[in-house]
Amino acid sequence: MTLAELRALCERATPGPWKSVRNSQRPFKHVIFDGRPDRDAMYTTSPLESHDADFIAAARTWLPALIEVAALSKELADPLMLARRFHEAYEHLAPSFGYKTRPESAKPWEDVPEQTRALMEAVCQELTTYIRAALARLDEVT
């Protein structure tokens, strides 16, 4: 399943956070619900271990955030994108730290000299090696 498919799946599901509660008063094993009294709960009719019910509830609660982390990680693993974001963040934050960028250096990314862009990209290439390894493991799962 791709990140886009997982994101669409989350968007169609009942909003979280969900929680899991053991239900000893009914013939159902667990109740998994979003905690709102005005909504129906999901009752499991088959034996469901507590840890499985907890996993289902936690997955609904945390999966959207994890999808965003995975998407951002893929973006940041691109050395050119990381170099651009670094440059833009630096230019934005420098004045608040008392730095004044030299006028010949204060340029939008598109106007940064090619040699400087190449150096920044090479630095980011080295920094993203560990991100790529983590993403390779992530791609095996998604």
Protein backbone atom coordinates (compact mmCIF):
# COMPACT_ATOMS: atom_id res chain seq x y z
CA MET A 1 0.00 0.00 0.00
CA THR A 2 1.39 3.43 -0.90
CA LEU A 3 1.48 6.47 1.36
CA ALA A 4 -1.25 8.06 -0.76
CA GLU A 5 -3.44 4.98 -0.34
CA LEU A 6 -2.84 4.95 3.42
CA ARG A 7 -3.63 8.68 3.62
CA ALA A 8 -6.92 8.12 1.72
CA LEU A 9 -7.76 5.20 4.02
CA CYS A 10 -7.26 7.43 7.07
CA GLU A 11 -9.35 10.21 5.56
CA ARG A 12 -12.29 7.82 5.05
CA ALA A 13 -12.11 6.33 8.56
CA THR A 14 -13.88 7.68 11.63
CA PRO A 15 -11.70 10.44 13.09
CA GLY A 16 -9.46 9.57 16.01
CA PRO A 17 -8.25 9.28 18.59
CA TRP A 18 -9.67 5.83 19.12
CA LYS A 19 -9.41 3.79 22.28
CA SER A 20 -9.88 0.17 23.19
CA VAL A 21 -11.93 -0.91 26.20
CA ARG A 22 -12.53 -4.44 27.41
CA ASN A 23 -16.26 -5.06 27.59
CA SER A 24 -17.24 -7.66 30.18
CA GLN A 25 -20.97 -6.80 30.27
CA ARG A 26 -21.81 -7.86 26.73
CA PRO A 27 -21.06 -10.88 24.61
CA PHE A 28 -18.45 -8.80 22.80
CA LYS A 29 -14.81 -9.03 23.66
CA HIS A 30 -13.73 -5.40 23.13
CA VAL A 31 -15.12 -2.03 22.22
CA ILE A 32 -13.08 0.15 19.90
CA PHE A 33 -14.39 3.68 19.54
CA ASP A 34 -13.49 7.32 19.23
CA GLY A 35 -14.65 8.19 22.72
CA ARG A 36 -17.57 10.35 21.64
CA PRO A 37 -20.89 9.35 23.25
CA ASP A 38 -22.88 10.51 20.20
CA ARG A 39 -21.24 7.95 17.89
CA ASP A 40 -21.57 4.22 17.54
CA ALA A 41 -18.78 2.04 18.83
CA MET A 42 -17.30 -0.94 17.03
CA TYR A 43 -17.81 -4.15 18.97
CA THR A 44 -15.73 -7.19 18.21
CA THR A 45 -17.62 -10.44 18.15
CA SER A 46 -14.66 -12.73 17.70
CA PRO A 47 -12.04 -13.31 20.34
CA LEU A 48 -9.67 -10.38 20.14
CA GLU A 49 -6.69 -10.16 22.39
CA SER A 50 -6.32 -6.91 24.33
CA HIS A 51 -3.03 -6.13 22.62
CA ASP A 52 -4.67 -6.50 19.19
CA ALA A 53 -7.56 -4.20 20.10
CA ASP A 54 -5.07 -1.70 21.53
CA PHE A 55 -3.08 -1.90 18.30
CA ILE A 56 -6.15 -1.17 16.15
CA ALA A 57 -7.02 1.86 18.26
CA ALA A 58 -3.42 3.12 18.33
CA ALA A 59 -3.02 2.64 14.57
CA ARG A 60 -6.01 4.89 13.89
CA THR A 61 -4.69 7.48 16.27
CA TRP A 62 -1.05 7.50 15.11
CA LEU A 63 -1.12 6.40 11.46
CA PRO A 64 -1.92 9.87 10.03
CA ALA A 65 1.07 11.39 11.82
CA LEU A 66 3.35 8.54 10.76
CA ILE A 67 2.24 8.97 7.14
CA GLU A 68 3.24 12.63 7.30
CA VAL A 69 6.60 11.73 8.86
CA ALA A 70 7.24 9.20 6.08
CA ALA A 71 6.29 11.73 3.38
CA LEU A 72 8.51 14.39 4.91
CA SER A 73 11.36 11.90 5.29
CA LYS A 74 11.15 11.08 1.59
CA GLU A 75 11.24 14.78 0.75
CA LEU A 76 14.20 15.42 3.03
CA ALA A 77 16.09 12.45 1.58
CA ASP A 78 16.33 14.39 -1.69
CA PRO A 79 19.62 16.32 -1.38
CA LEU A 80 18.53 19.09 -3.76
CA MET A 81 15.26 19.65 -1.85
CA LEU A 82 17.11 19.61 1.47
CA ALA A 83 19.69 22.12 0.20
CA ARG A 84 16.93 24.42 -1.04
CA ARG A 85 15.02 24.23 2.25
CA PHE A 86 18.22 24.87 4.20
CA HIS A 87 19.01 27.93 2.09
CA GLU A 88 15.49 29.33 2.41
CA ALA A 89 15.37 28.72 6.17
CA TYR A 90 18.81 30.28 6.63
CA GLU A 91 17.83 33.41 4.70
CA HIS A 92 14.60 33.67 6.68
CA LEU A 93 16.16 33.14 10.14
CA ALA A 94 19.51 34.93 9.80
CA PRO A 95 18.20 38.41 10.69
CA SER A 96 16.59 37.17 13.92
CA PHE A 97 20.06 35.94 15.00
CA GLY A 98 21.71 39.26 14.23
CA TYR A 99 23.18 38.22 10.89
CA LYS A 100 22.83 40.31 7.79
CA THR A 101 23.37 38.34 4.64
CA ARG A 102 25.61 40.06 2.12
CA PRO A 103 23.43 41.50 -0.67
CA GLU A 104 25.26 39.43 -3.28
CA SER A 105 24.47 36.28 -1.28
CA ALA A 106 20.86 37.10 -0.35
CA LYS A 107 19.18 35.50 -3.32
CA PRO A 108 16.24 33.25 -3.91
CA TRP A 109 17.28 29.64 -4.51
CA GLU A 110 16.81 29.93 -8.26
CA ASP A 111 19.42 32.73 -8.35
CA VAL A 112 22.06 31.06 -6.15
CA PRO A 113 25.22 30.47 -8.23
CA GLU A 114 25.46 26.97 -9.64
CA GLN A 115 28.75 26.21 -7.87
CA THR A 116 27.24 27.18 -4.49
CA ARG A 117 24.12 25.14 -5.19
CA ALA A 118 26.29 22.15 -6.16
CA LEU A 119 28.28 22.42 -2.91
CA MET A 120 25.13 22.67 -0.80
CA GLU A 121 23.65 19.69 -2.61
CA ALA A 122 26.85 17.65 -2.06
CA VAL A 123 26.78 18.42 1.67
CA CYS A 124 23.12 17.38 1.84
CA GLN A 125 23.93 14.22 -0.14
CA GLU A 126 26.28 13.15 2.63
CA LEU A 127 23.75 14.05 5.33
CA THR A 128 20.94 12.04 3.74
CA THR A 129 22.73 8.70 3.58
CA TYR A 130 21.18 7.48 6.84
CA ILE A 131 17.72 8.77 5.79
CA ARG A 132 17.86 6.70 2.61
CA ALA A 133 18.70 3.57 4.57
CA ALA A 134 15.70 4.13 6.85
CA LEU A 135 13.45 4.80 3.86
CA ALA A 136 14.56 1.59 2.20
CA ARG A 137 13.31 -0.29 5.24
CA LEU A 138 10.09 1.74 5.17
CA ASP A 139 9.52 0.95 1.50
CA GLU A 140 9.73 -2.77 2.30
CA VAL A 141 6.71 -2.32 4.57
CA THR A 142 4.61 0.09 2.46
